[in-house]
C-alpha atoms as a PDB file:
ATOM      1  CA  MET A   1       3.022 -36.994 -67.137  1.00  0.00           C
ATOM      2  CA  GLN A   2       1.260 -33.823 -66.411  1.00  0.00           C
ATOM      3  CA  PRO A   3      -2.178 -35.366 -65.965  1.00  0.00           C
ATOM      4  CA  ASP A   4      -0.881 -37.883 -63.430  1.00  0.00           C
ATOM      5  CA  LEU A   5       0.576 -35.221 -61.197  1.00  0.00           C
ATOM      6  CA  LEU A   6      -2.582 -33.166 -61.194  1.00  0.00           C
ATOM      7  CA  SER A   7      -4.711 -36.161 -60.348  1.00  0.00           C
ATOM      8  CA  GLN A   8      -2.565 -36.894 -57.319  1.00  0.00           C
ATOM      9  CA  LEU A   9      -3.247 -33.463 -55.787  1.00  0.00           C
ATOM     10  CA  LYS A  10      -5.803 -33.338 -53.034  1.00  0.00           C
ATOM     11  CA  ASP A  11      -7.914 -30.359 -51.979  1.00  0.00           C
ATOM     12  CA  ILE A  12      -6.284 -27.936 -49.554  1.00  0.00           C
ATOM     13  CA  GLN A  13      -7.804 -28.176 -46.122  1.00  0.00           C
ATOM     14  CA  THR A  14      -7.817 -24.935 -44.154  1.00  0.00           C
ATOM     15  CA  PRO A  15      -7.112 -25.194 -40.451  1.00  0.00           C
ATOM     16  CA  GLN A  16      -9.865 -24.493 -37.971  1.00  0.00           C
ATOM     17  CA  SER A  17     -10.252 -20.776 -37.284  1.00  0.00           C
ATOM     18  CA  ILE A  18      -8.778 -19.538 -34.052  1.00  0.00           C
ATOM     19  CA  GLY A  19     -11.501 -18.310 -31.697  1.00  0.00           C
ATOM     20  CA  ASN A  20     -11.355 -15.241 -29.499  1.00  0.00           C
ATOM     21  CA  TRP A  21     -12.181 -17.256 -26.406  1.00  0.00           C
ATOM     22  CA  PRO A  22     -10.637 -18.113 -24.086  1.00  0.00           C
ATOM     23  CA  LEU A  23      -8.508 -15.011 -23.885  1.00  0.00           C
ATOM     24  CA  ALA A  24      -4.821 -15.275 -23.234  1.00  0.00           C
ATOM     25  CA  TRP A  25      -3.703 -14.503 -19.673  1.00  0.00           C
ATOM     26  CA  GLY A  26      -2.191 -11.169 -20.751  1.00  0.00           C
ATOM     27  CA  TRP A  27      -5.597  -9.887 -21.804  1.00  0.00           C
ATOM     28  CA  TRP A  28      -7.056 -10.902 -18.438  1.00  0.00           C
ATOM     29  CA  VAL A  29      -4.332  -8.918 -16.661  1.00  0.00           C
ATOM     30  CA  ILE A  30      -5.115  -5.850 -18.768  1.00  0.00           C
ATOM     31  CA  ILE A  31      -8.854  -6.201 -18.080  1.00  0.00           C
ATOM     32  CA  VAL A  32      -8.309  -6.541 -14.312  1.00  0.00           C
ATOM     33  CA  VAL A  33      -5.930  -3.555 -14.204  1.00  0.00           C
ATOM     34  CA  CYS A  34      -8.414  -1.404 -16.150  1.00  0.00           C
ATOM     35  CA  CYS A  35     -11.274  -2.419 -13.840  1.00  0.00           C
ATOM     36  CA  VAL A  36      -9.202  -1.598 -10.760  1.00  0.00           C
ATOM     37  CA  LEU A  37      -8.228   1.806 -12.185  1.00  0.00           C
ATOM     38  CA  ILE A  38     -11.858   2.601 -13.023  1.00  0.00           C
ATOM     39  CA  ALA A  39     -12.953   1.593  -9.508  1.00  0.00           C
ATOM     40  CA  ILE A  40     -10.239   3.777  -7.943  1.00  0.00           C
ATOM     41  CA  ALA A  41     -11.287   6.724 -10.111  1.00  0.00           C
ATOM     42  CA  ILE A  42     -14.938   6.310  -9.122  1.00  0.00           C
ATOM     43  CA  VAL A  43     -14.139   6.074  -5.400  1.00  0.00           C
ATOM     44  CA  ALA A  44     -11.796   9.080  -5.592  1.00  0.00           C
ATOM     45  CA  THR A  45     -14.460  11.141  -7.355  1.00  0.00           C
ATOM     46  CA  ILE A  46     -17.103  10.222  -4.793  1.00  0.00           C
ATOM     47  CA  LEU A  47     -14.774  11.079  -1.891  1.00  0.00           C
ATOM     48  CA  PHE A  48     -13.802  14.364  -3.564  1.00  0.00           C
ATOM     49  CA  LEU A  49     -17.443  15.374  -3.985  1.00  0.00           C
ATOM     50  CA  GLN A  50     -18.386  14.342  -0.439  1.00  0.00           C
ATOM     51  CA  LYS A  51     -15.428  16.221   1.003  1.00  0.00           C
ATOM     52  CA  ARG A  52     -16.543  19.432  -0.662  1.00  0.00           C
ATOM     53  CA  LYS A  53     -20.257  19.013   0.025  1.00  0.00           C
ATOM     54  CA  ALA A  54     -20.197  20.802   3.397  1.00  0.00           C
ATOM     55  CA  LYS A  55     -18.274  23.705   1.880  1.00  0.00           C
ATOM     56  CA  LYS A  56     -20.784  24.029  -0.947  1.00  0.00           C
ATOM     57  CA  GLN A  57     -23.743  23.945   1.451  1.00  0.00           C
ATOM     58  CA  ALA A  58     -22.152  26.530   3.758  1.00  0.00           C
ATOM     59  CA  LEU A  59     -21.536  28.932   0.881  1.00  0.00           C
ATOM     60  CA  LYS A  60     -25.124  28.414  -0.262  1.00  0.00           C
ATOM     61  CA  LEU A  61     -26.415  29.270   3.227  1.00  0.00           C
ATOM     62  CA  LEU A  62     -24.174  32.336   3.437  1.00  0.00           C
ATOM     63  CA  ASN A  63     -25.363  33.537   0.037  1.00  0.00           C
ATOM     64  CA  ALA A  64     -28.954  33.323   1.274  1.00  0.00           C
ATOM     65  CA  LEU A  65     -28.259  35.760   4.135  1.00  0.00           C
ATOM     66  CA  ASP A  66     -29.168  39.429   3.736  1.00  0.00           C
ATOM     67  CA  PRO A  67     -27.300  41.733   6.149  1.00  0.00           C
ATOM     68  CA  GLU A  68     -29.535  44.681   5.215  1.00  0.00           C
ATOM     69  CA  GLN A  69     -32.720  43.171   6.670  1.00  0.00           C
ATOM     70  CA  ASN A  70     -31.546  41.938  10.051  1.00  0.00           C
ATOM     71  CA  PRO A  71     -27.823  42.474  10.784  1.00  0.00           C
ATOM     72  CA  ILE A  72     -27.860  40.790  14.221  1.00  0.00           C
ATOM     73  CA  HIS A  73     -29.544  37.662  12.859  1.00  0.00           C
ATOM     74  CA  THR A  74     -27.085  37.653   9.947  1.00  0.00           C
ATOM     75  CA  VAL A  75     -24.057  37.835  12.255  1.00  0.00           C
ATOM     76  CA  GLN A  76     -25.398  35.076  14.502  1.00  0.00           C
ATOM     77  CA  SER A  77     -26.140  32.914  11.470  1.00  0.00           C
ATOM     78  CA  ILE A  78     -22.638  33.483  10.090  1.00  0.00           C
ATOM     79  CA  ASN A  79     -21.112  32.315  13.383  1.00  0.00           C
ATOM     80  CA  SER A  80     -23.341  29.258  13.395  1.00  0.00           C
ATOM     81  CA  ILE A  81     -22.585  28.379   9.770  1.00  0.00           C
ATOM     82  CA  LEU A  82     -18.826  28.808  10.267  1.00  0.00           C
ATOM     83  CA  LYS A  83     -18.882  26.567  13.331  1.00  0.00           C
ATOM     84  CA  ARG A  84     -21.003  23.910  11.603  1.00  0.00           C
ATOM     85  CA  VAL A  85     -18.865  23.763   8.486  1.00  0.00           C
ATOM     86  CA  VAL A  86     -15.616  23.450  10.466  1.00  0.00           C
ATOM     87  CA  LEU A  87     -17.190  20.731  12.623  1.00  0.00           C
ATOM     88  CA  ALA A  88     -18.228  18.929   9.435  1.00  0.00           C
ATOM     89  CA  TYR A  89     -14.555  18.594   8.546  1.00  0.00           C
ATOM     90  CA  GLY A  90     -13.783  16.732  11.762  1.00  0.00           C
ATOM     91  CA  GLU A  91     -12.399  19.389  14.067  1.00  0.00           C
ATOM     92  CA  ARG A  92     -14.848  18.740  16.911  1.00  0.00           C
ATOM     93  CA  GLU A  93     -12.304  18.447  19.750  1.00  0.00           C
ATOM     94  CA  GLN A  94     -10.582  21.705  18.866  1.00  0.00           C
ATOM     95  CA  VAL A  95     -13.546  23.830  17.836  1.00  0.00           C
ATOM     96  CA  ALA A  96     -16.680  22.807  19.717  1.00  0.00           C
ATOM     97  CA  ASN A  97     -16.051  24.945  22.814  1.00  0.00           C
ATOM     98  CA  LEU A  98     -14.471  27.967  21.127  1.00  0.00           C
ATOM     99  CA  ASN A  99     -16.170  31.342  20.899  1.00  0.00           C
ATOM    100  CA  GLY A 100     -15.268  35.007  20.643  1.00  0.00           C
ATOM    101  CA  ASP A 101     -11.559  35.777  20.427  1.00  0.00           C
ATOM    102  CA  LYS A 102     -10.472  32.136  20.730  1.00  0.00           C
ATOM    103  CA  TRP A 103     -12.746  31.200  17.827  1.00  0.00           C
ATOM    104  CA  ALA A 104     -11.372  34.058  15.700  1.00  0.00           C
ATOM    105  CA  THR A 105      -7.812  33.054  16.602  1.00  0.00           C
ATOM    106  CA  TRP A 106      -8.457  29.447  15.602  1.00  0.00           C
ATOM    107  CA  LEU A 107      -9.999  30.491  12.276  1.00  0.00           C
ATOM    108  CA  ASN A 108      -7.146  32.848  11.476  1.00  0.00           C
ATOM    109  CA  ASN A 109      -4.469  30.335  12.514  1.00  0.00           C
ATOM    110  CA  ASN A 110      -6.039  27.799  10.154  1.00  0.00           C
ATOM    111  CA  SER A 111      -6.284  30.158   7.211  1.00  0.00           C
ATOM    112  CA  HIS A 112      -4.103  31.262   4.379  1.00  0.00           C
ATOM    113  CA  ASP A 113      -2.254  34.494   5.078  1.00  0.00           C
ATOM    114  CA  ASP A 114      -4.313  36.560   2.655  1.00  0.00           C
ATOM    115  CA  VAL A 115      -7.712  35.388   3.965  1.00  0.00           C
ATOM    116  CA  THR A 116      -8.545  36.190   7.577  1.00  0.00           C
ATOM    117  CA  ILE A 117     -11.582  37.208   9.578  1.00  0.00           C
ATOM    118  CA  ALA A 118     -11.317  40.280  11.766  1.00  0.00           C
ATOM    119  CA  PRO A 119     -11.720  39.249  15.440  1.00  0.00           C
ATOM    120  CA  GLU A 120     -14.079  42.151  16.167  1.00  0.00           C
ATOM    121  CA  PHE A 121     -16.646  40.623  13.817  1.00  0.00           C
ATOM    122  CA  MET A 122     -16.791  37.481  15.944  1.00  0.00           C
ATOM    123  CA  LEU A 123     -17.915  39.578  18.893  1.00  0.00           C
ATOM    124  CA  LEU A 124     -20.783  41.194  16.965  1.00  0.00           C
ATOM    125  CA  ALA A 125     -23.002  38.187  17.634  1.00  0.00           C
ATOM    126  CA  TYR A 126     -22.803  38.890  21.377  1.00  0.00           C
ATOM    127  CA  GLN A 127     -23.615  42.598  21.130  1.00  0.00           C
ATOM    128  CA  ALA A 128     -27.042  44.187  21.297  1.00  0.00           C
ATOM    129  CA  ASN A 129     -26.823  45.752  17.862  1.00  0.00           C
ATOM    130  CA  CYS A 130     -24.550  46.104  14.867  1.00  0.00           C
ATOM    131  CA  SER A 131     -24.685  47.906  11.559  1.00  0.00           C
ATOM    132  CA  SER A 132     -25.547  46.282   8.273  1.00  0.00           C
ATOM    133  CA  VAL A 133     -22.159  47.442   6.943  1.00  0.00           C
ATOM    134  CA  GLU A 134     -20.345  45.434   9.632  1.00  0.00           C
ATOM    135  CA  ALA A 135     -22.571  42.432   8.993  1.00  0.00           C
ATOM    136  CA  ALA A 136     -21.949  42.667   5.241  1.00  0.00           C
ATOM    137  CA  GLU A 137     -18.173  42.849   5.748  1.00  0.00           C
ATOM    138  CA  TYR A 138     -18.259  39.877   8.141  1.00  0.00           C
ATOM    139  CA  LEU A 139     -20.316  37.967   5.576  1.00  0.00           C
ATOM    140  CA  LYS A 140     -17.785  38.788   2.853  1.00  0.00           C
ATOM    141  CA  GLN A 141     -14.826  37.708   5.004  1.00  0.00           C
ATOM    142  CA  SER A 142     -16.598  34.497   6.039  1.00  0.00           C
ATOM    143  CA  LYS A 143     -17.347  33.545   2.435  1.00  0.00           C
ATOM    144  CA  ALA A 144     -13.725  34.173   1.492  1.00  0.00           C
ATOM    145  CA  TRP A 145     -12.467  32.134   4.473  1.00  0.00           C
ATOM    146  CA  ILE A 146     -14.675  29.149   3.629  1.00  0.00           C
ATOM    147  CA  ASP A 147     -13.878  29.350  -0.069  1.00  0.00           C
ATOM    148  CA  LYS A 148     -10.094  29.497   0.392  1.00  0.00           C
ATOM    149  CA  ASN A 149      -9.530  27.336   3.489  1.00  0.00           C
ATOM    150  CA  LEU A 150     -11.916  24.402   3.315  1.00  0.00           C
ATOM    151  CA  PRO A 151     -11.423  21.536   3.391  1.00  0.00           C
ATOM    152  CA  LEU A 152      -8.745  22.064   6.011  1.00  0.00           C
ATOM    153  CA  ASN A 153      -5.325  20.918   4.917  1.00  0.00           C
ATOM    154  CA  GLU A 154      -3.618  18.089   6.771  1.00  0.00           C
ATOM    155  CA  ARG A 155      -0.863  20.374   8.056  1.00  0.00           C
ATOM    156  CA  ASN A 156      -3.304  22.345  10.211  1.00  0.00           C
ATOM    157  CA  LYS A 157      -5.824  19.619  10.872  1.00  0.00           C
ATOM    158  CA  GLY A 158      -3.983  17.930  13.699  1.00  0.00           C
ATOM    159  CA  GLU A 159      -2.466  20.974  15.350  1.00  0.00           C
ATOM    160  CA  GLN A 160      -3.722  22.761  18.423  1.00  0.00           C
ATOM    161  CA  ASN A 161      -3.806  26.374  17.352  1.00  0.00           C
ATOM    162  CA  VAL A 162      -5.434  28.031  20.337  1.00  0.00           C
END
């Protein structure tokens, strides 16, 4: 009886292997979500770098100034660089026509409490001469102001501070 049973057995047929494609819909959802998150991260990084580009360039220009050689030119350049960098952050309506005390007031109103620029330094650009010590101090305060306050925060960005 044993040989009859064995002769009746047929070879085992394995099923076809399951392929990886097409993917189940859950995998497609995961792929789309990952792609969207990567795209958002790339855009956010690009915007972050562009937003800080003007600040970086302004600090580079300020670092190139030497108050010992020509203090008047240094003070005038500092004023110009400060104005340009603030205008780069979209404050044209508020800042374009400001100078002297009004400009100093605007800068100090839009700064953190511990970082301000002395108003008398703003007036140095309009005087016939100034010392290299004053120019160096103005340069130091301007670097600190740019470093700590730019880009301008949204709280101050829309306010009229003059």
